Amino acid sequence: MDEELRSLMPKTEFTRREFVMTTLAVGFALAVRPVSAQTITTDTSGLIAGEVKIPTADGQIPVYRAMPATGTAFPVVLVVQEIFGVHEHIKDICRRFAKMGYFAVSPELFARQGDVSGISESKEIFAKVVSKVPDAQVMADLDATVAWAKAGGKGNIAKLGITGFCWGGRIVWLYAAHNPQLKAGVAWYGRLTGNRTELQPQYPIDVVGALKAPVLGLYGGDDPGIPLDTVEEMRKTLKSAGSPSEIIVYPGAPHAFYADYRPSYRREPAEDGWKRLQEWLKKHGAV
């Protein structure tokens, strides 16, 4: 490993281990098939896009990255996966960002614990893989991704943003409390509180006082997995802490309303949320 890159790597206590996933999944995860006819597909015209491997403290993880084909010093945005891993939808979101001039990168954060792409049931994905992914590992892998983006010379981490969906929405809040380099985050329907475990000891509501960057939370008013009373509790906690973070709730929208490849997709809140995302990143210096 290049010494400059090594110096940028986060300090962790992880030891070198076998990685379950050495390449990204192809297409859409089995649990979400068949995909909807309204699925959005973003082409790679004018982009450099595809899978690469990046170094972490204990090996390498596969990531998907997309950026404009010409230019340099692009603002960097981390795209954090749902429970379905870095499958085609997440890759497409990276390309959407790249079309707007970003260096977008999505690391496979389940690489050590398991390949979720071939599991057909969401509950099984959570039980077998997601529940076994330590938050500390996720923070370190995101730090490693930022270090890699900086070391390659194409990404400008002085303009660093993050967004994530579902499982990744929770991670956005946690990372905003973790990395002082972060300028802004946008969390799509990430759970705000829940059952704490040794591997996942905190939820967003626990880290409000530690937030180092403002987060825009985008939530569905008809999401049974994230009751509105927890959203209101989070709003009150943010206000009490004097945080500039904000939460938008779309009445009648279900969970995963941005997921255009699923029946849960709702065009109006999805498009409004994407517009708000762009405005939020711009407002807070991540563009």
C-alpha atoms as a PDB file:
ATOM      1  CA  MET A   1       0.000   0.000   0.000  1.00  0.00           C
ATOM      2  CA  ASP A   2       1.210   3.499  -0.827  1.00  0.00           C
ATOM      3  CA  GLU A   3       2.656   5.155   2.315  1.00  0.00           C
ATOM      4  CA  GLU A   4       0.680   8.365   1.789  1.00  0.00           C
ATOM      5  CA  LEU A   5      -2.535   6.371   1.567  1.00  0.00           C
ATOM      6  CA  ARG A   6      -1.547   4.311   4.604  1.00  0.00           C
ATOM      7  CA  SER A   7      -1.097   7.507   6.613  1.00  0.00           C
ATOM      8  CA  LEU A   8      -4.650   8.517   5.733  1.00  0.00           C
ATOM      9  CA  MET A   9      -6.154   5.241   6.841  1.00  0.00           C
ATOM     10  CA  PRO A  10      -8.277   5.253  10.000  1.00  0.00           C
ATOM     11  CA  LYS A  11      -6.839   3.649  13.114  1.00  0.00           C
ATOM     12  CA  THR A  12      -8.811   0.520  13.957  1.00  0.00           C
ATOM     13  CA  GLU A  13      -8.435  -2.622  16.039  1.00  0.00           C
ATOM     14  CA  PHE A  14      -9.554  -4.939  13.254  1.00  0.00           C
ATOM     15  CA  THR A  15      -7.243  -7.790  12.282  1.00  0.00           C
ATOM     16  CA  ARG A  16      -6.814  -9.116   8.771  1.00  0.00           C
ATOM     17  CA  ARG A  17      -9.541 -11.619   7.982  1.00  0.00           C
ATOM     18  CA  GLU A  18     -11.239 -13.470   5.171  1.00  0.00           C
ATOM     19  CA  PHE A  19     -13.710 -11.369   3.210  1.00  0.00           C
ATOM     20  CA  VAL A  20     -16.922 -13.051   2.117  1.00  0.00           C
ATOM     21  CA  MET A  21     -17.449 -10.609  -0.750  1.00  0.00           C
ATOM     22  CA  THR A  22     -14.592  -9.693  -3.062  1.00  0.00           C
ATOM     23  CA  THR A  23     -16.781  -8.349  -5.882  1.00  0.00           C
ATOM     24  CA  LEU A  24     -20.080  -6.502  -5.976  1.00  0.00           C
ATOM     25  CA  ALA A  25     -23.385  -8.103  -6.811  1.00  0.00           C
ATOM     26  CA  VAL A  26     -24.555  -7.933 -10.428  1.00  0.00           C
ATOM     27  CA  GLY A  27     -28.021  -6.530 -11.131  1.00  0.00           C
ATOM     28  CA  PHE A  28     -30.655  -6.322  -8.422  1.00  0.00           C
ATOM     29  CA  ALA A  29     -30.702  -8.276  -5.181  1.00  0.00           C
ATOM     30  CA  LEU A  30     -32.893 -11.393  -5.246  1.00  0.00           C
ATOM     31  CA  ALA A  31     -35.077 -10.105  -2.390  1.00  0.00           C
ATOM     32  CA  VAL A  32     -36.353  -7.181  -4.505  1.00  0.00           C
ATOM     33  CA  ARG A  33     -37.075  -9.023  -7.749  1.00  0.00           C
ATOM     34  CA  PRO A  34     -38.982  -8.684  -9.964  1.00  0.00           C
ATOM     35  CA  VAL A  35     -38.120  -5.007 -10.274  1.00  0.00           C
ATOM     36  CA  SER A  36     -40.683  -2.404 -11.240  1.00  0.00           C
ATOM     37  CA  ALA A  37     -41.227  -1.213 -14.799  1.00  0.00           C
ATOM     38  CA  GLN A  38     -40.718   2.342 -13.523  1.00  0.00           C
ATOM     39  CA  THR A  39     -37.111   1.618 -12.509  1.00  0.00           C
ATOM     40  CA  ILE A  40     -34.823   4.518 -13.391  1.00  0.00           C
ATOM     41  CA  THR A  41     -31.645   3.690 -15.308  1.00  0.00           C
ATOM     42  CA  THR A  42     -28.853   6.253 -15.590  1.00  0.00           C
ATOM     43  CA  ASP A  43     -26.334   5.709 -18.371  1.00  0.00           C
ATOM     44  CA  THR A  44     -22.561   6.100 -18.108  1.00  0.00           C
ATOM     45  CA  SER A  45     -22.205   8.598 -20.958  1.00  0.00           C
ATOM     46  CA  GLY A  46     -19.658  11.216 -19.944  1.00  0.00           C
ATOM     47  CA  LEU A  47     -18.738   9.272 -16.820  1.00  0.00           C
ATOM     48  CA  ILE A  48     -16.084   7.025 -15.413  1.00  0.00           C
ATOM     49  CA  ALA A  49     -18.097   4.423 -13.552  1.00  0.00           C
ATOM     50  CA  GLY A  50     -17.659   0.896 -12.291  1.00  0.00           C
ATOM     51  CA  GLU A  51     -16.342  -1.345  -9.555  1.00  0.00           C
ATOM     52  CA  VAL A  52     -12.954  -0.960  -7.912  1.00  0.00           C
ATOM     53  CA  LYS A  53     -11.353  -2.278  -4.726  1.00  0.00           C
ATOM     54  CA  ILE A  54     -10.089  -0.037  -1.966  1.00  0.00           C
ATOM     55  CA  PRO A  55      -7.782  -0.744   0.989  1.00  0.00           C
ATOM     56  CA  THR A  56      -9.094  -0.952   4.526  1.00  0.00           C
ATOM     57  CA  ALA A  57      -7.275  -1.662   7.764  1.00  0.00           C
ATOM     58  CA  ASP A  58      -7.789  -5.413   7.359  1.00  0.00           C
ATOM     59  CA  GLY A  59      -7.876  -6.045   3.611  1.00  0.00           C
ATOM     60  CA  GLN A  60      -9.845  -4.739   0.637  1.00  0.00           C
ATOM     61  CA  ILE A  61     -13.515  -4.088   0.014  1.00  0.00           C
ATOM     62  CA  PRO A  62     -15.266  -3.686  -3.349  1.00  0.00           C
ATOM     63  CA  VAL A  63     -16.869  -0.320  -4.046  1.00  0.00           C
ATOM     64  CA  TYR A  64     -18.824   1.238  -6.868  1.00  0.00           C
ATOM     65  CA  ARG A  65     -17.669   4.678  -7.930  1.00  0.00           C
ATOM     66  CA  ALA A  66     -18.847   7.128 -10.554  1.00  0.00           C
ATOM     67  CA  MET A  67     -17.525  10.556 -11.550  1.00  0.00           C
ATOM     68  CA  PRO A  68     -17.347  12.838 -14.583  1.00  0.00           C
ATOM     69  CA  ALA A  69     -14.946  11.610 -17.247  1.00  0.00           C
ATOM     70  CA  THR A  70     -13.154  14.950 -17.368  1.00  0.00           C
ATOM     71  CA  GLY A  71     -12.037  17.269 -14.627  1.00  0.00           C
ATOM     72  CA  THR A  72     -10.723  16.858 -11.114  1.00  0.00           C
ATOM     73  CA  ALA A  73     -11.315  17.890  -7.492  1.00  0.00           C
ATOM     74  CA  PHE A  74     -14.934  16.784  -7.586  1.00  0.00           C
ATOM     75  CA  PRO A  75     -16.991  17.086  -4.398  1.00  0.00           C
ATOM     76  CA  VAL A  76     -17.211  13.657  -2.770  1.00  0.00           C
ATOM     77  CA  VAL A  77     -20.466  12.016  -1.747  1.00  0.00           C
ATOM     78  CA  LEU A  78     -20.655   8.694   0.091  1.00  0.00           C
ATOM     79  CA  VAL A  79     -23.706   6.643  -0.902  1.00  0.00           C
ATOM     80  CA  VAL A  80     -24.661   4.175   1.820  1.00  0.00           C
ATOM     81  CA  GLN A  81     -26.553   1.046   0.842  1.00  0.00           C
ATOM     82  CA  GLU A  82     -29.882  -0.378   1.958  1.00  0.00           C
ATOM     83  CA  ILE A  83     -29.957  -3.855   3.506  1.00  0.00           C
ATOM     84  CA  PHE A  84     -29.749  -5.220  -0.055  1.00  0.00           C
ATOM     85  CA  GLY A  85     -26.106  -4.238  -0.469  1.00  0.00           C
ATOM     86  CA  VAL A  86     -24.501  -2.309  -3.300  1.00  0.00           C
ATOM     87  CA  HIS A  87     -26.820  -3.649  -5.981  1.00  0.00           C
ATOM     88  CA  GLU A  88     -27.981  -1.955  -9.175  1.00  0.00           C
ATOM     89  CA  HIS A  89     -30.167   0.702  -7.539  1.00  0.00           C
ATOM     90  CA  ILE A  90     -27.314   2.011  -5.391  1.00  0.00           C
ATOM     91  CA  LYS A  91     -24.969   1.967  -8.381  1.00  0.00           C
ATOM     92  CA  ASP A  92     -27.505   3.977 -10.352  1.00  0.00           C
ATOM     93  CA  ILE A  93     -27.725   6.569  -7.571  1.00  0.00           C
ATOM     94  CA  CYS A  94     -23.937   6.951  -7.795  1.00  0.00           C
ATOM     95  CA  ARG A  95     -24.294   7.640 -11.520  1.00  0.00           C
ATOM     96  CA  ARG A  96     -27.018  10.221 -10.825  1.00  0.00           C
ATOM     97  CA  PHE A  97     -24.609  12.059  -8.567  1.00  0.00           C
ATOM     98  CA  ALA A  98     -21.805  11.787 -11.112  1.00  0.00           C
ATOM     99  CA  LYS A  99     -24.029  13.396 -13.743  1.00  0.00           C
ATOM    100  CA  MET A 100     -24.271  16.368 -11.360  1.00  0.00           C
ATOM    101  CA  GLY A 101     -20.490  16.638 -11.063  1.00  0.00           C
ATOM    102  CA  TYR A 102     -19.835  14.550  -7.952  1.00  0.00           C
ATOM    103  CA  PHE A 103     -17.318  11.843  -7.188  1.00  0.00           C
ATOM    104  CA  ALA A 104     -19.844   9.342  -5.817  1.00  0.00           C
ATOM    105  CA  VAL A 105     -18.695   6.181  -4.111  1.00  0.00           C
ATOM    106  CA  SER A 106     -20.551   3.343  -2.413  1.00  0.00           C
ATOM    107  CA  PRO A 107     -18.510   0.773  -0.462  1.00  0.00           C
ATOM    108  CA  GLU A 108     -19.900  -2.715   0.140  1.00  0.00           C
ATOM    109  CA  LEU A 109     -20.223  -2.483   3.903  1.00  0.00           C
ATOM    110  CA  PHE A 110     -21.310  -6.096   4.386  1.00  0.00           C
ATOM    111  CA  ALA A 111     -18.230  -7.534   2.643  1.00  0.00           C
ATOM    112  CA  ARG A 112     -16.932  -9.357   5.716  1.00  0.00           C
ATOM    113  CA  GLN A 113     -20.255 -10.669   7.023  1.00  0.00           C
ATOM    114  CA  GLY A 114     -21.993 -11.992   3.929  1.00  0.00           C
ATOM    115  CA  ASP A 115     -23.353 -11.614   0.418  1.00  0.00           C
ATOM    116  CA  VAL A 116     -26.994 -10.566   0.695  1.00  0.00           C
ATOM    117  CA  SER A 117     -27.642 -10.459  -3.052  1.00  0.00           C
ATOM    118  CA  GLY A 118     -28.793 -14.085  -3.260  1.00  0.00           C
ATOM    119  CA  ILE A 119     -31.021 -14.133  -0.167  1.00  0.00           C
ATOM    120  CA  SER A 120     -34.712 -13.966  -1.003  1.00  0.00           C
ATOM    121  CA  GLU A 121     -36.209 -12.709   2.280  1.00  0.00           C
ATOM    122  CA  SER A 122     -35.496  -9.397   4.020  1.00  0.00           C
ATOM    123  CA  LYS A 123     -35.840 -10.943   7.480  1.00  0.00           C
ATOM    124  CA  GLU A 124     -33.218 -13.530   6.604  1.00  0.00           C
ATOM    125  CA  ILE A 125     -30.890 -10.807   5.274  1.00  0.00           C
ATOM    126  CA  PHE A 126     -31.122  -8.998   8.581  1.00  0.00           C
ATOM    127  CA  ALA A 127     -30.738 -12.105  10.741  1.00  0.00           C
ATOM    128  CA  LYS A 128     -27.852 -13.685   8.835  1.00  0.00           C
ATOM    129  CA  VAL A 129     -25.867 -10.614   7.803  1.00  0.00           C
ATOM    130  CA  VAL A 130     -27.006  -7.117   8.773  1.00  0.00           C
ATOM    131  CA  SER A 131     -27.356  -7.801  12.498  1.00  0.00           C
ATOM    132  CA  LYS A 132     -23.728  -9.011  12.530  1.00  0.00           C
ATOM    133  CA  VAL A 133     -22.215  -5.846  10.991  1.00  0.00           C
ATOM    134  CA  PRO A 134     -20.549  -3.722  13.713  1.00  0.00           C
ATOM    135  CA  ASP A 135     -21.150   0.015  13.567  1.00  0.00           C
ATOM    136  CA  ALA A 136     -17.457   0.556  14.360  1.00  0.00           C
ATOM    137  CA  GLN A 137     -16.524  -1.438  11.248  1.00  0.00           C
ATOM    138  CA  VAL A 138     -18.913   0.639   9.128  1.00  0.00           C
ATOM    139  CA  MET A 139     -17.456   3.932  10.390  1.00  0.00           C
ATOM    140  CA  ALA A 140     -13.929   2.689   9.675  1.00  0.00           C
ATOM    141  CA  ASP A 141     -14.836   1.538   6.165  1.00  0.00           C
ATOM    142  CA  LEU A 142     -16.423   4.888   5.369  1.00  0.00           C
ATOM    143  CA  ASP A 143     -13.292   6.615   6.687  1.00  0.00           C
ATOM    144  CA  ALA A 144     -11.189   4.362   4.462  1.00  0.00           C
ATOM    145  CA  THR A 145     -13.375   5.282   1.486  1.00  0.00           C
ATOM    146  CA  VAL A 146     -12.832   8.985   2.157  1.00  0.00           C
ATOM    147  CA  ALA A 147      -9.076   8.431   2.466  1.00  0.00           C
ATOM    148  CA  TRP A 148      -9.050   6.550  -0.837  1.00  0.00           C
ATOM    149  CA  ALA A 149     -11.035   9.291  -2.593  1.00  0.00           C
ATOM    150  CA  LYS A 150      -8.551  11.884  -1.357  1.00  0.00           C
ATOM    151  CA  ALA A 151      -5.463   9.864  -2.229  1.00  0.00           C
ATOM    152  CA  GLY A 152      -6.609   9.302  -5.820  1.00  0.00           C
ATOM    153  CA  GLY A 153      -6.553  13.022  -6.536  1.00  0.00           C
ATOM    154  CA  LYS A 154     -10.003  13.155  -8.136  1.00  0.00           C
ATOM    155  CA  GLY A 155     -12.061  13.777  -5.029  1.00  0.00           C
ATOM    156  CA  ASN A 156     -12.097  16.969  -2.998  1.00  0.00           C
ATOM    157  CA  ILE A 157     -12.917  15.865   0.550  1.00  0.00           C
ATOM    158  CA  ALA A 158     -13.128  19.496   1.667  1.00  0.00           C
ATOM    159  CA  LYS A 159     -16.569  19.153   0.083  1.00  0.00           C
ATOM    160  CA  LEU A 160     -17.644  15.868   1.630  1.00  0.00           C
ATOM    161  CA  GLY A 161     -21.265  14.752   1.824  1.00  0.00           C
ATOM    162  CA  ILE A 162     -23.072  11.524   2.622  1.00  0.00           C
ATOM    163  CA  THR A 163     -26.481  10.067   1.863  1.00  0.00           C
ATOM    164  CA  GLY A 164     -28.016   6.709   2.652  1.00  0.00           C
ATOM    165  CA  PHE A 165     -31.255   4.773   2.428  1.00  0.00           C
ATOM    166  CA  CYS A 166     -33.093   2.659   5.011  1.00  0.00           C
ATOM    167  CA  TRP A 167     -30.228   0.883   6.843  1.00  0.00           C
ATOM    168  CA  GLY A 168     -27.952   3.472   5.277  1.00  0.00           C
ATOM    169  CA  GLY A 169     -30.159   6.295   6.539  1.00  0.00           C
ATOM    170  CA  ARG A 170     -29.337   5.345  10.121  1.00  0.00           C
ATOM    171  CA  ILE A 171     -25.657   5.194   9.184  1.00  0.00           C
ATOM    172  CA  VAL A 172     -25.782   8.750   7.813  1.00  0.00           C
ATOM    173  CA  TRP A 173     -26.769  10.101  11.231  1.00  0.00           C
ATOM    174  CA  LEU A 174     -24.063   8.056  12.966  1.00  0.00           C
ATOM    175  CA  TYR A 175     -21.376   9.119  10.495  1.00  0.00           C
ATOM    176  CA  ALA A 176     -22.344  12.771  10.940  1.00  0.00           C
ATOM    177  CA  ALA A 177     -21.490  12.315  14.608  1.00  0.00           C
ATOM    178  CA  HIS A 178     -18.272  10.484  13.743  1.00  0.00           C
ATOM    179  CA  ASN A 179     -16.390  12.447  11.072  1.00  0.00           C
ATOM    180  CA  PRO A 180     -15.565  16.131  11.650  1.00  0.00           C
ATOM    181  CA  GLN A 181     -14.595  16.461   7.971  1.00  0.00           C
ATOM    182  CA  LEU A 182     -18.187  15.918   6.860  1.00  0.00           C
ATOM    183  CA  LYS A 183     -20.052  18.970   5.554  1.00  0.00           C
ATOM    184  CA  ALA A 184     -23.585  17.590   5.321  1.00  0.00           C
ATOM    185  CA  GLY A 185     -25.687  14.440   5.289  1.00  0.00           C
ATOM    186  CA  VAL A 186     -29.057  13.395   3.903  1.00  0.00           C
ATOM    187  CA  ALA A 187     -30.737  10.413   5.579  1.00  0.00           C
ATOM    188  CA  TRP A 188     -33.601   8.715   3.762  1.00  0.00           C
ATOM    189  CA  TYR A 189     -35.974   6.899   6.158  1.00  0.00           C
ATOM    190  CA  GLY A 190     -33.266   5.694   8.502  1.00  0.00           C
ATOM    191  CA  ARG A 191     -34.512   4.304  11.791  1.00  0.00           C
ATOM    192  CA  LEU A 192     -33.988   6.798  14.622  1.00  0.00           C
ATOM    193  CA  THR A 193     -34.192   4.481  17.612  1.00  0.00           C
ATOM    194  CA  GLY A 194     -34.440   0.750  18.216  1.00  0.00           C
ATOM    195  CA  ASN A 195     -32.943  -2.266  19.954  1.00  0.00           C
ATOM    196  CA  ARG A 196     -29.356  -1.532  20.920  1.00  0.00           C
ATOM    197  CA  THR A 197     -26.793  -4.341  20.776  1.00  0.00           C
ATOM    198  CA  GLU A 198     -23.101  -4.768  21.479  1.00  0.00           C
ATOM    199  CA  LEU A 199     -22.323  -4.381  17.767  1.00  0.00           C
ATOM    200  CA  GLN A 200     -24.864  -1.598  17.183  1.00  0.00           C
ATOM    201  CA  PRO A 201     -24.905   0.272  20.498  1.00  0.00           C
ATOM    202  CA  GLN A 202     -26.348   3.615  19.392  1.00  0.00           C
ATOM    203  CA  TYR A 203     -29.117   5.038  17.266  1.00  0.00           C
ATOM    204  CA  PRO A 204     -29.372   8.532  15.756  1.00  0.00           C
ATOM    205  CA  ILE A 205     -31.344   9.887  18.715  1.00  0.00           C
ATOM    206  CA  ASP A 206     -28.408   8.935  20.976  1.00  0.00           C
ATOM    207  CA  VAL A 207     -25.822  10.974  19.026  1.00  0.00           C
ATOM    208  CA  VAL A 208     -27.639  14.265  18.434  1.00  0.00           C
ATOM    209  CA  GLY A 209     -25.343  16.118  20.811  1.00  0.00           C
ATOM    210  CA  ALA A 210     -22.303  14.794  18.956  1.00  0.00           C
ATOM    211  CA  LEU A 211     -23.372  15.720  15.412  1.00  0.00           C
ATOM    212  CA  LYS A 212     -20.506  17.398  13.579  1.00  0.00           C
ATOM    213  CA  ALA A 213     -22.446  18.127  10.397  1.00  0.00           C
ATOM    214  CA  PRO A 214     -26.092  18.987   9.716  1.00  0.00           C
ATOM    215  CA  VAL A 215     -28.332  16.171   8.541  1.00  0.00           C
ATOM    216  CA  LEU A 216     -31.514  16.414   6.504  1.00  0.00           C
ATOM    217  CA  GLY A 217     -33.841  13.545   7.373  1.00  0.00           C
ATOM    218  CA  LEU A 218     -36.446  12.504   4.786  1.00  0.00           C
ATOM    219  CA  TYR A 219     -39.213  10.288   6.156  1.00  0.00           C
ATOM    220  CA  GLY A 220     -42.514   8.788   5.090  1.00  0.00           C
ATOM    221  CA  GLY A 221     -45.654   9.597   7.058  1.00  0.00           C
ATOM    222  CA  ASP A 222     -46.978   6.080   6.458  1.00  0.00           C
ATOM    223  CA  ASP A 223     -43.893   4.081   7.428  1.00  0.00           C
ATOM    224  CA  PRO A 224     -44.845   1.474  10.058  1.00  0.00           C
ATOM    225  CA  GLY A 225     -41.186   0.691  10.735  1.00  0.00           C
ATOM    226  CA  ILE A 226     -40.461   4.275  11.784  1.00  0.00           C
ATOM    227  CA  PRO A 227     -43.401   5.501  13.868  1.00  0.00           C
ATOM    228  CA  LEU A 228     -44.104   9.217  13.692  1.00  0.00           C
ATOM    229  CA  ASP A 229     -43.743   9.560  17.450  1.00  0.00           C
ATOM    230  CA  THR A 230     -40.056   8.626  17.124  1.00  0.00           C
ATOM    231  CA  VAL A 231     -39.668  11.201  14.349  1.00  0.00           C
ATOM    232  CA  GLU A 232     -41.222  13.868  16.571  1.00  0.00           C
ATOM    233  CA  GLU A 233     -38.992  12.817  19.454  1.00  0.00           C
ATOM    234  CA  MET A 234     -35.963  13.218  17.190  1.00  0.00           C
ATOM    235  CA  ARG A 235     -37.143  16.675  16.095  1.00  0.00           C
ATOM    236  CA  LYS A 236     -37.480  17.768  19.725  1.00  0.00           C
ATOM    237  CA  THR A 237     -34.062  16.382  20.584  1.00  0.00           C
ATOM    238  CA  LEU A 238     -32.465  18.209  17.648  1.00  0.00           C
ATOM    239  CA  LYS A 239     -34.161  21.457  18.663  1.00  0.00           C
ATOM    240  CA  SER A 240     -33.066  21.109  22.270  1.00  0.00           C
ATOM    241  CA  ALA A 241     -29.485  20.558  21.138  1.00  0.00           C
ATOM    242  CA  GLY A 242     -29.589  23.626  18.884  1.00  0.00           C
ATOM    243  CA  SER A 243     -28.777  21.471  15.852  1.00  0.00           C
ATOM    244  CA  PRO A 244     -29.249  22.917  12.349  1.00  0.00           C
ATOM    245  CA  SER A 245     -30.407  19.471  11.201  1.00  0.00           C
ATOM    246  CA  GLU A 246     -33.941  19.192   9.843  1.00  0.00           C
ATOM    247  CA  ILE A 247     -36.530  16.476   9.269  1.00  0.00           C
ATOM    248  CA  ILE A 248     -39.096  16.447   6.473  1.00  0.00           C
ATOM    249  CA  VAL A 249     -42.067  14.064   6.640  1.00  0.00           C
ATOM    250  CA  TYR A 250     -44.052  13.255   3.488  1.00  0.00           C
ATOM    251  CA  PRO A 251     -47.678  12.534   4.467  1.00  0.00           C
ATOM    252  CA  GLY A 252     -48.924   9.211   3.102  1.00  0.00           C
ATOM    253  CA  ALA A 253     -45.504   8.133   1.827  1.00  0.00           C
ATOM    254  CA  PRO A 254     -44.406   4.612   2.785  1.00  0.00           C
ATOM    255  CA  HIS A 255     -40.976   3.347   3.670  1.00  0.00           C
ATOM    256  CA  ALA A 256     -38.548   3.288   0.706  1.00  0.00           C
ATOM    257  CA  PHE A 257     -40.488   5.905  -1.247  1.00  0.00           C
ATOM    258  CA  TYR A 258     -37.321   6.788  -3.203  1.00  0.00           C
ATOM    259  CA  ALA A 259     -36.745   3.185  -4.331  1.00  0.00           C
ATOM    260  CA  ASP A 260     -37.959   3.471  -7.933  1.00  0.00           C
ATOM    261  CA  TYR A 261     -37.370  -0.244  -8.540  1.00  0.00           C
ATOM    262  CA  ARG A 262     -39.929  -1.261  -5.872  1.00  0.00           C
ATOM    263  CA  PRO A 263     -43.716  -0.905  -5.459  1.00  0.00           C
ATOM    264  CA  SER A 264     -43.065   1.491  -2.539  1.00  0.00           C
ATOM    265  CA  TYR A 265     -41.834   4.209  -4.929  1.00  0.00           C
ATOM    266  CA  ARG A 266     -43.740   7.472  -4.799  1.00  0.00           C
ATOM    267  CA  ARG A 267     -42.712   9.868  -7.533  1.00  0.00           C
ATOM    268  CA  GLU A 268     -43.663  13.204  -5.951  1.00  0.00           C
ATOM    269  CA  PRO A 269     -41.928  12.783  -2.574  1.00  0.00           C
ATOM    270  CA  ALA A 270     -38.993  11.056  -4.285  1.00  0.00           C
ATOM    271  CA  GLU A 271     -38.436  13.948  -6.666  1.00  0.00           C
ATOM    272  CA  ASP A 272     -38.988  16.540  -3.946  1.00  0.00           C
ATOM    273  CA  GLY A 273     -36.559  14.726  -1.662  1.00  0.00           C
ATOM    274  CA  TRP A 274     -33.900  14.590  -4.384  1.00  0.00           C
ATOM    275  CA  LYS A 275     -34.333  18.321  -4.976  1.00  0.00           C
ATOM    276  CA  ARG A 276     -34.017  19.005  -1.256  1.00  0.00           C
ATOM    277  CA  LEU A 277     -30.921  16.807  -1.112  1.00  0.00           C
ATOM    278  CA  GLN A 278     -29.196  18.905  -3.756  1.00  0.00           C
ATOM    279  CA  GLU A 279     -30.146  22.155  -2.026  1.00  0.00           C
ATOM    280  CA  TRP A 280     -28.986  20.838   1.354  1.00  0.00           C
ATOM    281  CA  LEU A 281     -25.565  19.739   0.091  1.00  0.00           C
ATOM    282  CA  LYS A 282     -25.106  23.069  -1.660  1.00  0.00           C
ATOM    283  CA  LYS A 283     -26.214  25.100   1.353  1.00  0.00           C
ATOM    284  CA  HIS A 284     -23.742  23.382   3.640  1.00  0.00           C
ATOM    285  CA  GLY A 285     -20.679  23.372   1.394  1.00  0.00           C
ATOM    286  CA  ALA A 286     -20.721  19.844   0.015  1.00  0.00           C
ATOM    287  CA  VAL A 287     -20.785  20.936  -3.612  1.00  0.00           C
END
